[in-house]
Amino acid sequence: MLASKDTTTAALSIQGEQQEQENAGWVKASEDDVDLYVDGVSDEVLACRERGRHLFPTIRQAGIHFSEVDDEGLFIRRLACTCCLLAQRVERWEGVRRGGRTRFARVASSLVYLTGLNGEVYLAPAGRGHMTARQIGDSVASKALAGQTLTALRKAAKANAREAAKDSA
């Protein structure tokens, strides 16, 4: 007797279908891999990872200076993250002369990750999965609260709420 194969699948909502498409192609890192990564990087890298973005200076802060011109004649501008120093935004700018004015427009931007002086890297090792900002924050919070019981934390939070209510009255 042949075994029948069940080919029915659960119907996904529109949101479920969108999430499935968005997550296709990458695997979420395990808690252990995230904890291992958090233990091995600097506070500055953790700040950028937890924030979910880098801090690049504005044109008014850093000025605008081009370091090179590419093969297509576009001006190249490079900016280092002022927090972790391991990410570099590479911008490509076009300059056009119109009438008596020269106008500049950024036409492309990409991110390049650098290796720090002591060999530190921003990205997690390949094969560990994608680490979200939420996972990084959860790991940092769990390490900060290690050794404390949930009961003690609840009591402290309630005491803080009572104190805040008393101060505002």
N, C-alpha and C. Protein backbone atom coordinates (compact mmCIF):
# COMPACT_ATOMS: atom_id res chain seq x y z
N MET A 1 0.84 -1.17 0.00
CA MET A 1 0.00 0.00 0.00
C MET A 1 0.89 1.24 0.00
N LEU A 2 0.56 2.21 -0.82
CA LEU A 2 1.31 3.45 -0.92
C LEU A 2 0.81 4.45 0.10
N ALA A 3 1.74 5.16 0.69
CA ALA A 3 1.36 6.20 1.65
C ALA A 3 0.96 7.44 0.89
N SER A 4 -0.12 8.06 1.31
CA SER A 4 -0.52 9.29 0.64
C SER A 4 0.18 10.47 1.28
N LYS A 5 0.47 11.41 0.47
CA LYS A 5 1.17 12.61 0.93
C LYS A 5 0.16 13.73 1.09
N ASP A 6 0.11 14.33 2.27
CA ASP A 6 -0.83 15.42 2.53
C ASP A 6 -0.27 16.69 1.91
N THR A 7 -0.96 17.23 0.93
CA THR A 7 -0.48 18.42 0.24
C THR A 7 -1.23 19.67 0.65
N THR A 8 -2.08 19.57 1.67
CA THR A 8 -2.81 20.76 2.12
C THR A 8 -1.89 21.62 2.98
N THR A 9 -2.04 22.91 2.83
CA THR A 9 -1.27 23.85 3.65
C THR A 9 -2.23 24.83 4.29
N ALA A 10 -1.82 25.37 5.40
CA ALA A 10 -2.65 26.35 6.08
C ALA A 10 -2.68 27.63 5.26
N ALA A 11 -3.85 28.24 5.18
CA ALA A 11 -3.98 29.49 4.45
C ALA A 11 -3.32 30.61 5.25
N LEU A 12 -2.54 31.41 4.57
CA LEU A 12 -1.88 32.54 5.22
C LEU A 12 -2.69 33.81 5.00
N SER A 13 -2.69 34.66 6.00
CA SER A 13 -3.31 35.96 5.83
C SER A 13 -2.42 36.80 4.92
N ILE A 14 -2.92 37.92 4.49
CA ILE A 14 -2.11 38.82 3.66
C ILE A 14 -0.86 39.23 4.41
N GLN A 15 -1.00 39.55 5.71
CA GLN A 15 0.16 39.92 6.52
C GLN A 15 1.13 38.76 6.64
N GLY A 16 0.61 37.55 6.84
CA GLY A 16 1.46 36.37 6.94
C GLY A 16 2.23 36.12 5.65
N GLU A 17 1.57 36.33 4.51
CA GLU A 17 2.24 36.17 3.22
C GLU A 17 3.35 37.20 3.06
N GLN A 18 3.08 38.44 3.46
CA GLN A 18 4.10 39.49 3.35
C GLN A 18 5.28 39.17 4.24
N GLN A 19 5.04 38.72 5.46
CA GLN A 19 6.14 38.40 6.37
C GLN A 19 6.95 37.23 5.83
N GLU A 20 6.27 36.24 5.26
CA GLU A 20 6.97 35.09 4.70
C GLU A 20 7.89 35.53 3.56
N GLN A 21 7.40 36.45 2.71
CA GLN A 21 8.21 36.95 1.60
C GLN A 21 9.37 37.79 2.10
N GLU A 22 9.14 38.61 3.13
CA GLU A 22 10.19 39.46 3.66
C GLU A 22 11.30 38.64 4.30
N ASN A 23 10.95 37.54 4.95
CA ASN A 23 11.93 36.72 5.65
C ASN A 23 12.58 35.68 4.76
N ALA A 24 12.10 35.52 3.54
CA ALA A 24 12.68 34.55 2.63
C ALA A 24 14.11 34.96 2.31
N GLY A 25 15.03 34.02 2.41
CA GLY A 25 16.41 34.32 2.05
C GLY A 25 17.32 34.51 3.24
N TRP A 26 16.79 34.71 4.44
CA TRP A 26 17.66 34.83 5.61
C TRP A 26 17.07 34.09 6.79
N VAL A 27 17.94 33.64 7.64
CA VAL A 27 17.55 32.87 8.82
C VAL A 27 17.89 33.70 10.05
N LYS A 28 16.98 33.74 10.99
CA LYS A 28 17.20 34.49 12.23
C LYS A 28 18.23 33.76 13.09
N ALA A 29 19.15 34.51 13.66
CA ALA A 29 20.19 33.93 14.51
C ALA A 29 19.59 33.40 15.81
N SER A 30 20.22 32.39 16.36
CA SER A 30 19.76 31.83 17.64
C SER A 30 20.15 32.76 18.79
N GLU A 31 19.49 32.60 19.93
CA GLU A 31 19.81 33.41 21.11
C GLU A 31 21.25 33.19 21.53
N ASP A 32 21.72 31.94 21.46
CA ASP A 32 23.10 31.64 21.84
C ASP A 32 24.11 32.35 20.94
N ASP A 33 23.83 32.37 19.62
CA ASP A 33 24.73 33.05 18.70
C ASP A 33 24.74 34.56 18.95
N VAL A 34 23.57 35.12 19.25
CA VAL A 34 23.49 36.55 19.54
C VAL A 34 24.26 36.86 20.82
N ASP A 35 24.07 36.05 21.85
CA ASP A 35 24.78 36.26 23.12
C ASP A 35 26.30 36.19 22.92
N LEU A 36 26.75 35.24 22.13
CA LEU A 36 28.17 35.09 21.85
C LEU A 36 28.71 36.32 21.12
N TYR A 37 27.95 36.82 20.16
CA TYR A 37 28.34 38.03 19.41
C TYR A 37 28.41 39.23 20.35
N VAL A 38 27.38 39.42 21.19
CA VAL A 38 27.32 40.56 22.11
C VAL A 38 28.51 40.55 23.07
N ASP A 39 28.93 39.37 23.49
CA ASP A 39 30.07 39.26 24.40
C ASP A 39 31.38 39.67 23.75
N GLY A 40 31.45 39.61 22.41
CA GLY A 40 32.72 39.83 21.73
C GLY A 40 32.91 41.16 21.04
N VAL A 41 31.93 42.06 21.13
CA VAL A 41 32.08 43.34 20.44
C VAL A 41 32.07 44.50 21.44
N SER A 42 32.52 45.66 20.98
CA SER A 42 32.62 46.84 21.83
C SER A 42 31.25 47.46 22.10
N ASP A 43 31.21 48.33 23.10
CA ASP A 43 29.97 49.05 23.43
C ASP A 43 29.52 49.91 22.26
N GLU A 44 30.47 50.46 21.50
CA GLU A 44 30.12 51.32 20.36
C GLU A 44 29.42 50.51 19.27
N VAL A 45 29.91 49.32 19.01
CA VAL A 45 29.26 48.45 18.01
C VAL A 45 27.87 48.06 18.51
N LEU A 46 27.76 47.73 19.79
CA LEU A 46 26.45 47.39 20.35
C LEU A 46 25.47 48.55 20.25
N ALA A 47 25.96 49.77 20.44
CA ALA A 47 25.08 50.94 20.34
C ALA A 47 24.49 51.05 18.93
N CYS A 48 25.32 50.87 17.91
CA CYS A 48 24.84 50.93 16.53
C CYS A 48 23.91 49.76 16.22
N ARG A 49 24.26 48.57 16.69
CA ARG A 49 23.44 47.39 16.43
C ARG A 49 22.09 47.49 17.13
N GLU A 50 22.10 47.94 18.38
CA GLU A 50 20.85 48.06 19.14
C GLU A 50 19.97 49.16 18.55
N ARG A 51 20.58 50.24 18.12
CA ARG A 51 19.86 51.36 17.51
C ARG A 51 19.31 50.96 16.14
N GLY A 52 20.01 50.06 15.47
CA GLY A 52 19.58 49.62 14.14
C GLY A 52 20.05 50.54 13.04
N ARG A 53 20.96 51.44 13.34
CA ARG A 53 21.51 52.33 12.31
C ARG A 53 22.81 52.95 12.81
N HIS A 54 23.54 53.49 11.88
CA HIS A 54 24.81 54.14 12.19
C HIS A 54 24.62 55.64 12.30
N LEU A 55 25.57 56.30 12.93
CA LEU A 55 25.53 57.76 13.07
C LEU A 55 26.57 58.37 12.13
N PHE A 56 26.12 58.86 11.00
CA PHE A 56 27.00 59.53 10.06
C PHE A 56 26.81 61.03 10.19
N PRO A 57 27.89 61.79 10.12
CA PRO A 57 27.74 63.25 10.24
C PRO A 57 26.99 63.83 9.04
N THR A 58 26.30 64.93 9.29
CA THR A 58 25.59 65.62 8.22
C THR A 58 26.60 66.43 7.40
N ILE A 59 26.15 66.94 6.28
CA ILE A 59 27.01 67.78 5.44
C ILE A 59 27.42 69.03 6.20
N ARG A 60 26.50 69.59 6.97
CA ARG A 60 26.83 70.80 7.74
C ARG A 60 27.86 70.50 8.82
N GLN A 61 27.83 69.30 9.39
CA GLN A 61 28.79 68.93 10.43
C GLN A 61 30.16 68.63 9.85
N ALA A 62 30.20 67.83 8.81
CA ALA A 62 31.47 67.33 8.27
C ALA A 62 31.95 68.10 7.04
N GLY A 63 31.08 68.91 6.49
CA GLY A 63 31.42 69.53 5.22
C GLY A 63 31.24 68.51 4.11
N ILE A 64 31.56 68.92 2.90
CA ILE A 64 31.45 67.97 1.80
C ILE A 64 32.76 68.00 1.03
N HIS A 65 33.44 66.87 1.09
CA HIS A 65 34.74 66.71 0.45
C HIS A 65 34.71 65.41 -0.32
N PHE A 66 35.18 65.45 -1.55
CA PHE A 66 35.21 64.25 -2.37
C PHE A 66 36.61 63.67 -2.37
N SER A 67 36.68 62.34 -2.21
CA SER A 67 37.98 61.68 -2.13
C SER A 67 38.47 61.17 -3.48
N GLU A 68 37.56 61.01 -4.44
CA GLU A 68 37.96 60.49 -5.74
C GLU A 68 36.84 60.70 -6.74
N VAL A 69 37.11 60.33 -7.97
CA VAL A 69 36.12 60.35 -9.05
C VAL A 69 36.11 58.95 -9.65
N ASP A 70 34.92 58.37 -9.83
CA ASP A 70 34.87 57.01 -10.38
C ASP A 70 34.94 57.02 -11.91
N ASP A 71 34.87 55.84 -12.51
CA ASP A 71 35.00 55.69 -13.96
C ASP A 71 33.87 56.37 -14.72
N GLU A 72 32.74 56.59 -14.07
CA GLU A 72 31.60 57.24 -14.72
C GLU A 72 31.61 58.75 -14.53
N GLY A 73 32.63 59.27 -13.86
CA GLY A 73 32.73 60.71 -13.63
C GLY A 73 31.98 61.19 -12.41
N LEU A 74 31.51 60.28 -11.57
CA LEU A 74 30.80 60.67 -10.35
C LEU A 74 31.80 60.93 -9.23
N PHE A 75 31.51 61.92 -8.41
CA PHE A 75 32.35 62.26 -7.27
C PHE A 75 32.06 61.29 -6.12
N ILE A 76 33.08 60.82 -5.46
CA ILE A 76 32.94 59.87 -4.36
C ILE A 76 33.19 60.58 -3.03
N ARG A 77 32.26 60.40 -2.10
CA ARG A 77 32.38 60.95 -0.75
C ARG A 77 32.28 59.79 0.23
N ARG A 78 33.20 59.73 1.19
CA ARG A 78 33.22 58.65 2.18
C ARG A 78 33.03 59.23 3.58
N LEU A 79 32.13 58.61 4.35
CA LEU A 79 31.86 59.04 5.72
C LEU A 79 31.94 57.86 6.66
N ALA A 80 32.65 58.02 7.78
CA ALA A 80 32.73 56.96 8.78
C ALA A 80 31.67 57.19 9.84
N CYS A 81 31.11 56.10 10.36
CA CYS A 81 30.16 56.18 11.47
C CYS A 81 30.91 56.78 12.67
N THR A 82 30.33 57.81 13.26
CA THR A 82 31.00 58.48 14.38
C THR A 82 30.88 57.70 15.69
N CYS A 83 30.09 56.64 15.70
CA CYS A 83 29.91 55.84 16.90
C CYS A 83 30.84 54.62 16.90
N CYS A 84 30.63 53.70 15.95
CA CYS A 84 31.40 52.45 15.96
C CYS A 84 32.69 52.53 15.14
N LEU A 85 32.78 53.46 14.22
CA LEU A 85 33.93 53.63 13.34
C LEU A 85 34.20 52.44 12.43
N LEU A 86 33.27 51.49 12.36
CA LEU A 86 33.47 50.30 11.54
C LEU A 86 32.61 50.28 10.29
N ALA A 87 31.76 51.28 10.13
CA ALA A 87 30.92 51.37 8.94
C ALA A 87 31.28 52.64 8.18
N GLN A 88 31.31 52.51 6.88
CA GLN A 88 31.62 53.66 6.04
C GLN A 88 30.54 53.78 4.96
N ARG A 89 29.93 54.95 4.87
CA ARG A 89 28.95 55.20 3.82
C ARG A 89 29.70 55.79 2.64
N VAL A 90 29.53 55.17 1.49
CA VAL A 90 30.17 55.63 0.26
C VAL A 90 29.08 56.23 -0.62
N GLU A 91 29.18 57.53 -0.85
CA GLU A 91 28.18 58.24 -1.65
C GLU A 91 28.76 58.60 -3.01
N ARG A 92 27.92 58.53 -4.03
CA ARG A 92 28.30 58.93 -5.38
C ARG A 92 27.46 60.15 -5.75
N TRP A 93 28.15 61.23 -6.13
CA TRP A 93 27.50 62.50 -6.41
C TRP A 93 27.76 62.91 -7.86
N GLU A 94 26.74 63.53 -8.44
CA GLU A 94 26.87 64.06 -9.79
C GLU A 94 26.83 65.58 -9.72
N GLY A 95 27.72 66.21 -10.46
CA GLY A 95 27.73 67.66 -10.56
C GLY A 95 27.30 68.08 -11.95
N VAL A 96 26.37 69.03 -12.02
CA VAL A 96 25.84 69.48 -13.31
C VAL A 96 25.87 71.01 -13.33
N ARG A 97 26.35 71.55 -14.41
CA ARG A 97 26.38 73.01 -14.59
C ARG A 97 25.11 73.43 -15.31
N ARG A 98 24.30 74.29 -14.67
CA ARG A 98 23.05 74.79 -15.26
C ARG A 98 23.07 76.30 -15.21
N GLY A 99 23.07 76.90 -16.37
CA GLY A 99 23.13 78.36 -16.42
C GLY A 99 24.41 78.82 -15.77
N GLY A 100 24.32 79.63 -14.77
CA GLY A 100 25.50 80.10 -14.07
C GLY A 100 25.75 79.37 -12.77
N ARG A 101 25.01 78.28 -12.52
CA ARG A 101 25.14 77.57 -11.24
C ARG A 101 25.56 76.13 -11.45
N THR A 102 26.27 75.61 -10.47
CA THR A 102 26.59 74.19 -10.46
C THR A 102 25.74 73.54 -9.38
N ARG A 103 25.01 72.49 -9.75
CA ARG A 103 24.15 71.76 -8.81
C ARG A 103 24.73 70.37 -8.59
N PHE A 104 24.63 69.88 -7.36
CA PHE A 104 25.11 68.54 -7.03
C PHE A 104 23.93 67.71 -6.54
N ALA A 105 23.94 66.45 -6.92
CA ALA A 105 22.89 65.52 -6.50
C ALA A 105 23.52 64.18 -6.16
N ARG A 106 23.13 63.63 -5.03
CA ARG A 106 23.60 62.29 -4.65
C ARG A 106 22.81 61.30 -5.49
N VAL A 107 23.50 60.45 -6.22
CA VAL A 107 22.83 59.49 -7.09
C VAL A 107 22.85 58.06 -6.55
N ALA A 108 23.76 57.77 -5.65
CA ALA A 108 23.83 56.43 -5.06
C ALA A 108 24.56 56.48 -3.74
N SER A 109 24.27 55.51 -2.91
CA SER A 109 24.91 55.41 -1.60
C SER A 109 25.00 53.94 -1.23
N SER A 110 26.11 53.54 -0.66
CA SER A 110 26.26 52.16 -0.22
C SER A 110 27.00 52.14 1.11
N LEU A 111 26.96 51.01 1.76
CA LEU A 111 27.59 50.85 3.06
C LEU A 111 28.71 49.83 2.94
N VAL A 112 29.87 50.18 3.48
CA VAL A 112 31.02 49.28 3.49
C VAL A 112 31.43 49.09 4.94
N TYR A 113 31.67 47.84 5.33
CA TYR A 113 32.11 47.57 6.69
C TYR A 113 33.62 47.38 6.72
N LEU A 114 34.24 48.02 7.69
CA LEU A 114 35.69 48.01 7.83
C LEU A 114 36.10 47.09 8.99
N THR A 115 37.37 46.77 9.05
CA THR A 115 37.92 46.02 10.16
C THR A 115 38.67 47.01 11.05
N GLY A 116 38.39 46.96 12.36
CA GLY A 116 39.01 47.88 13.31
C GLY A 116 40.48 47.57 13.52
N LEU A 117 41.15 48.47 14.23
CA LEU A 117 42.59 48.32 14.48
C LEU A 117 42.93 47.02 15.21
N ASN A 118 42.04 46.59 16.12
CA ASN A 118 42.31 45.36 16.87
C ASN A 118 41.64 44.13 16.24
N GLY A 119 41.22 44.27 14.98
CA GLY A 119 40.60 43.16 14.27
C GLY A 119 39.10 43.04 14.46
N GLU A 120 38.50 44.00 15.18
CA GLU A 120 37.06 43.96 15.43
C GLU A 120 36.29 44.20 14.13
N VAL A 121 35.22 43.44 13.95
CA VAL A 121 34.35 43.60 12.79
C VAL A 121 32.92 43.85 13.27
N TYR A 122 32.15 44.54 12.45
CA TYR A 122 30.78 44.90 12.81
C TYR A 122 29.83 43.72 12.61
N LEU A 123 29.96 43.05 11.49
CA LEU A 123 29.03 41.98 11.16
C LEU A 123 29.35 40.71 11.95
N ALA A 124 28.31 39.95 12.23
CA ALA A 124 28.49 38.66 12.90
C ALA A 124 29.14 37.69 11.92
N PRO A 125 29.77 36.65 12.44
CA PRO A 125 30.39 35.66 11.55
C PRO A 125 29.36 35.04 10.60
N ALA A 126 29.78 34.75 9.39
CA ALA A 126 28.89 34.13 8.40
C ALA A 126 28.39 32.79 8.91
N GLY A 127 27.16 32.48 8.57
CA GLY A 127 26.58 31.21 8.95
C GLY A 127 25.87 31.22 10.29
N ARG A 128 25.86 32.34 10.99
CA ARG A 128 25.20 32.43 12.31
C ARG A 128 23.76 32.91 12.19
N GLY A 129 23.37 33.40 11.04
CA GLY A 129 22.03 33.91 10.86
C GLY A 129 21.99 35.42 11.00
N HIS A 130 20.85 36.00 10.70
CA HIS A 130 20.63 37.44 10.74
C HIS A 130 20.29 37.86 12.17
N MET A 131 21.01 38.85 12.67
CA MET A 131 20.77 39.35 14.03
C MET A 131 20.04 40.68 13.95
N THR A 132 18.84 40.72 14.48
CA THR A 132 18.05 41.94 14.44
C THR A 132 18.43 42.86 15.60
N ALA A 133 18.07 44.13 15.46
CA ALA A 133 18.32 45.10 16.53
C ALA A 133 17.60 44.67 17.80
N ARG A 134 16.43 44.11 17.66
CA ARG A 134 15.67 43.64 18.84
C ARG A 134 16.42 42.52 19.54
N GLN A 135 16.96 41.57 18.78
CA GLN A 135 17.70 40.47 19.39
C GLN A 135 18.93 40.99 20.14
N ILE A 136 19.63 41.96 19.55
CA ILE A 136 20.80 42.53 20.20
C ILE A 136 20.38 43.21 21.50
N GLY A 137 19.33 44.02 21.46
CA GLY A 137 18.84 44.70 22.66
C GLY A 137 18.38 43.73 23.73
N ASP A 138 17.70 42.66 23.32
CA ASP A 138 17.26 41.64 24.28
C ASP A 138 18.45 40.99 24.97
N SER A 139 19.48 40.70 24.21
CA SER A 139 20.68 40.07 24.77
C SER A 139 21.38 41.01 25.75
N VAL A 140 21.53 42.28 25.37
CA VAL A 140 22.19 43.26 26.24
C VAL A 140 21.39 43.42 27.54
N ALA A 141 20.06 43.50 27.43
CA ALA A 141 19.22 43.65 28.61
C ALA A 141 19.31 42.41 29.50
N SER A 142 19.30 41.23 28.90
CA SER A 142 19.38 40.00 29.68
C SER A 142 20.69 39.91 30.44
N LYS A 143 21.78 40.34 29.82
CA LYS A 143 23.08 40.33 30.49
C LYS A 143 23.13 41.37 31.61
N ALA A 144 22.51 42.54 31.40
CA ALA A 144 22.49 43.58 32.42
C ALA A 144 21.69 43.17 33.64
N LEU A 145 20.66 42.34 33.43
CA LEU A 145 19.79 41.93 34.53
C LEU A 145 20.13 40.53 35.06
N ALA A 146 21.21 39.95 34.58
CA ALA A 146 21.60 38.61 35.01
C ALA A 146 21.78 38.56 36.52
N GLY A 147 21.29 37.49 37.13
CA GLY A 147 21.45 37.31 38.57
C GLY A 147 20.31 37.87 39.39
N GLN A 148 19.43 38.64 38.78
CA GLN A 148 18.30 39.20 39.51
C GLN A 148 17.08 38.31 39.27
N THR A 149 16.27 38.15 40.30
CA THR A 149 15.07 37.32 40.14
C THR A 149 13.92 38.17 39.60
N LEU A 150 12.98 37.50 38.95
CA LEU A 150 11.81 38.20 38.43
C LEU A 150 11.00 38.81 39.57
N THR A 151 10.93 38.10 40.69
CA THR A 151 10.19 38.61 41.85
C THR A 151 10.81 39.91 42.37
N ALA A 152 12.13 39.92 42.50
CA ALA A 152 12.81 41.12 42.98
C ALA A 152 12.63 42.29 42.01
N LEU A 153 12.68 42.00 40.72
CA LEU A 153 12.48 43.06 39.73
C LEU A 153 11.06 43.62 39.78
N ARG A 154 10.07 42.74 39.96
CA ARG A 154 8.67 43.20 40.07
C ARG A 154 8.49 44.09 41.31
N LYS A 155 9.05 43.65 42.44
CA LYS A 155 8.94 44.44 43.68
C LYS A 155 9.59 45.81 43.50
N ALA A 156 10.75 45.84 42.87
CA ALA A 156 11.45 47.12 42.66
C ALA A 156 10.65 48.02 41.73
N ALA A 157 10.05 47.45 40.68
CA ALA A 157 9.25 48.25 39.74
C ALA A 157 8.02 48.83 40.44
N LYS A 158 7.37 48.01 41.28
CA LYS A 158 6.19 48.50 42.02
C LYS A 158 6.59 49.60 43.00
N ALA A 159 7.73 49.42 43.67
CA ALA A 159 8.21 50.44 44.62
C ALA A 159 8.53 51.74 43.87
N ASN A 160 9.14 51.63 42.69
CA ASN A 160 9.44 52.81 41.87
C ASN A 160 8.15 53.51 41.44
N ALA A 161 7.12 52.74 41.08
CA ALA A 161 5.84 53.33 40.67
C ALA A 161 5.19 54.06 41.84
N ARG A 162 5.22 53.43 43.04
CA ARG A 162 4.65 54.10 44.22
C ARG A 162 5.40 55.39 44.52
N GLU A 163 6.71 55.37 44.42
CA GLU A 163 7.56 56.54 44.68
C GLU A 163 7.26 57.65 43.67
N ALA A 164 7.11 57.28 42.42
CA ALA A 164 6.82 58.27 41.38
C ALA A 164 5.43 58.89 41.59
N ALA A 165 4.46 58.06 41.99
CA ALA A 165 3.11 58.57 42.25
C ALA A 165 3.11 59.52 43.46
N LYS A 166 3.90 59.17 44.46
CA LYS A 166 3.98 60.01 45.66
C LYS A 166 4.66 61.34 45.33
N ASP A 167 5.69 61.31 44.47
CA ASP A 167 6.40 62.54 44.09
C ASP A 167 5.54 63.46 43.23
N SER A 168 4.65 62.88 42.42
CA SER A 168 3.84 63.71 41.54
C SER A 168 2.60 64.26 42.24
N ALA A 169 2.29 63.73 43.41
CA ALA A 169 1.10 64.20 44.15
C ALA A 169 1.36 65.47 44.91
